[in-house]
Amino acid sequence: MTRMSHLSNPLFLGFEEMERLIDRVGKGGDGYPPYNIERVTGASESNGKAAGDLLRITLAVAGFKQHQIEITVEENQLNIRGRQEDDKSRQYIHRGIATRQFSRTFVLADGIEVKSAELIDGLLSIDLVRRQPERAVRRVEIGKARSQAG
C-alpha cells in the first residue's frame, strides 16, 4: 500500500526532502527534556536594525553542566544532546533524580540561523534568528517553439 501525503501533490515539486524531515521529526522522542519555543519581540542587531524574527527555544536541563551539553547544526537540523555520568563517590539512600542522557532535534527552515545559546539556572536557551529573504521577481522569457522533424 502506498502512503499518500499532502506533499506528494503534483503541484509541490521538489519537496521530497521536506517530507523525509517531517517523518523523522514525527517519530520524536520520549518528551525529555521539556521545552518551550517562543517568539521574542523587540529584537535588534547591534547596528539598530531589526534582526528579523527572533525565536527562543528553552529546555529544562536541571543538573546538567555546560560541558555535558552539545549543540550542533547539521543540514538544517538543530541537535541538542546531553550526557551525565554517575558520581560513583556518592551513596544514595533514595535516588529519585535520574542521571540520564537526552537528544532533542529541531528542523530549521531555510534562512533560520542559530544566534546564541546560554545555560542559566538549569534552563538552556537557544536563540534563533530568521533573516528576511530579499524578495525577487524574475521574468522568464518564452522561447520560440522547436520545429519537429517530419
Protein backbone atom coordinates (compact mmCIF):
# COMPACT_ATOMS: atom_id res chain seq x y z
CA MET A 1 0.00 0.00 0.00
CA THR A 2 1.44 3.37 -0.99
CA ARG A 3 1.28 6.17 1.55
CA MET A 4 -0.02 9.46 0.20
CA SER A 5 0.77 12.76 1.85
CA HIS A 6 -0.02 16.39 1.14
CA LEU A 7 3.50 16.86 -0.20
CA SER A 8 3.00 14.17 -2.83
CA ASN A 9 0.58 16.50 -4.62
CA PRO A 10 1.90 17.08 -8.17
CA LEU A 11 1.87 20.85 -7.57
CA PHE A 12 4.57 20.52 -4.87
CA LEU A 13 7.73 19.87 -6.87
CA GLY A 14 10.98 19.01 -5.10
CA PHE A 15 9.61 18.65 -1.56
CA GLU A 16 10.70 15.02 -1.07
CA GLU A 17 13.45 16.02 1.41
CA MET A 18 10.94 18.07 3.41
CA GLU A 19 8.67 15.03 3.62
CA ARG A 20 11.57 12.92 4.94
CA LEU A 21 12.32 15.59 7.57
CA ILE A 22 8.69 15.65 8.69
CA ASP A 23 8.70 11.86 9.02
CA ARG A 24 11.94 11.93 11.03
CA VAL A 25 10.68 14.60 13.44
CA GLY A 26 7.30 12.89 13.76
CA LYS A 27 8.96 9.84 15.27
CA GLY A 28 10.04 12.16 18.12
CA GLY A 29 11.44 11.09 21.44
CA ASP A 30 10.30 10.46 24.98
CA GLY A 31 9.45 14.10 25.76
CA TYR A 32 12.56 14.69 27.86
CA PRO A 33 13.69 17.32 28.44
CA PRO A 34 10.61 19.54 28.35
CA TYR A 35 10.98 22.69 26.26
CA ASN A 36 9.31 25.95 25.24
CA ILE A 37 9.51 27.78 21.93
CA GLU A 38 8.71 31.48 21.98
CA ARG A 39 8.80 34.44 19.64
CA VAL A 40 10.92 37.21 21.15
CA THR A 41 9.78 40.71 20.23
CA GLY A 42 11.78 43.90 20.11
CA ALA A 43 14.97 42.17 18.99
CA SER A 44 17.50 44.27 17.13
CA GLU A 45 21.07 43.89 16.00
CA SER A 46 23.95 45.98 17.32
CA ASN A 47 23.59 48.48 14.46
CA GLY A 48 20.00 49.25 15.47
CA LYS A 49 18.36 47.45 12.55
CA ALA A 50 15.66 44.86 13.11
CA ALA A 51 17.14 41.38 13.31
CA GLY A 52 14.16 39.69 11.70
CA ASP A 53 12.12 37.16 13.61
CA LEU A 54 13.84 36.03 16.79
CA LEU A 55 12.81 32.68 18.24
CA ARG A 56 13.99 31.19 21.54
CA ILE A 57 13.99 27.51 22.42
CA THR A 58 14.29 26.93 26.18
CA LEU A 59 14.98 23.43 27.50
CA ALA A 60 14.73 22.44 31.19
CA VAL A 61 18.07 20.71 31.78
CA ALA A 62 18.41 20.88 35.56
CA GLY A 63 21.52 19.13 36.83
CA PHE A 64 23.44 19.40 33.56
CA LYS A 65 26.64 21.40 33.39
CA GLN A 66 27.71 23.34 30.32
CA HIS A 67 30.37 20.76 29.33
CA GLN A 68 27.74 17.98 29.42
CA ILE A 69 25.63 19.56 26.68
CA GLU A 70 26.47 19.62 22.97
CA ILE A 71 24.65 21.76 20.42
CA THR A 72 25.23 21.16 16.70
CA VAL A 73 23.58 22.26 13.46
CA GLU A 74 23.76 19.84 10.56
CA GLU A 75 21.77 20.03 7.33
CA ASN A 76 19.03 22.29 8.73
CA GLN A 77 18.74 20.27 11.93
CA LEU A 78 19.45 21.68 15.36
CA ASN A 79 20.65 18.81 17.56
CA ILE A 80 20.93 19.16 21.33
CA ARG A 81 22.48 16.31 23.29
CA GLY A 82 23.12 16.00 27.00
CA ARG A 83 25.07 13.34 28.82
CA GLN A 84 25.54 12.99 32.57
CA GLU A 85 27.66 10.38 34.27
CA ASP A 86 27.01 8.73 37.62
CA ASP A 87 29.04 10.06 40.52
CA LYS A 88 30.45 6.80 41.89
CA SER A 89 31.63 8.51 45.08
CA ARG A 90 28.05 9.05 46.33
CA GLN A 91 25.98 6.52 48.27
CA TYR A 92 22.27 7.11 47.83
CA ILE A 93 19.66 6.07 50.39
CA HIS A 94 16.96 7.08 47.89
CA ARG A 95 17.54 8.10 44.30
CA GLY A 96 14.68 9.94 42.66
CA ILE A 97 16.73 12.16 40.36
CA ALA A 98 17.93 10.04 37.50
CA THR A 99 21.20 10.53 35.71
CA ARG A 100 20.23 10.30 32.10
CA GLN A 101 21.12 11.44 28.66
CA PHE A 102 18.91 13.12 26.11
CA SER A 103 18.79 14.06 22.48
CA ARG A 104 16.37 16.64 21.10
CA THR A 105 16.21 17.60 17.41
CA PHE A 106 14.53 20.57 15.76
CA VAL A 107 14.25 21.00 11.99
CA LEU A 108 15.15 24.53 10.88
CA ALA A 109 13.67 26.19 7.81
CA ASP A 110 15.97 27.79 5.27
CA GLY A 111 17.11 31.19 6.50
CA ILE A 112 16.96 30.34 10.21
CA GLU A 113 20.33 30.63 11.95
CA VAL A 114 21.40 29.82 15.50
CA LYS A 115 22.41 33.14 17.05
CA SER A 116 23.46 32.14 20.59
CA ALA A 117 23.00 29.70 23.46
CA GLU A 118 23.28 30.09 27.22
CA LEU A 119 22.74 27.92 30.28
CA ILE A 120 21.37 29.76 33.34
CA ASP A 121 19.75 28.20 36.42
CA GLY A 122 19.07 24.86 34.73
CA LEU A 123 17.49 26.39 31.63
CA LEU A 124 19.25 26.12 28.27
CA SER A 125 18.15 28.96 25.97
CA ILE A 126 18.98 28.87 22.27
CA ASP A 127 18.19 31.97 20.23
CA LEU A 128 17.41 31.60 16.54
CA VAL A 129 17.01 34.37 14.00
CA ARG A 130 15.09 34.21 10.76
CA ARG A 131 16.69 36.50 8.23
CA GLN A 132 14.18 38.19 5.98
CA PRO A 133 14.89 37.00 2.44
CA GLU A 134 15.13 39.56 -0.28
CA ARG A 135 12.07 39.32 -2.47
CA ALA A 136 12.99 38.98 -6.12
CA VAL A 137 10.78 38.69 -9.14
CA ARG A 138 12.42 37.28 -12.22
CA ARG A 139 10.83 37.42 -15.63
CA VAL A 140 11.04 34.21 -17.67
CA GLU A 141 11.13 34.75 -21.40
CA ILE A 142 9.16 32.44 -23.62
CA GLY A 143 11.31 30.93 -26.35
CA LYS A 144 10.35 30.02 -29.90
CA ALA A 145 8.73 26.65 -30.47
CA ARG A 146 11.07 23.92 -31.60
CA SER A 147 10.39 22.66 -35.06
CA GLN A 148 9.69 18.96 -35.30
CA ALA A 149 11.44 16.91 -37.96
CA GLY A 150 8.84 15.42 -40.15
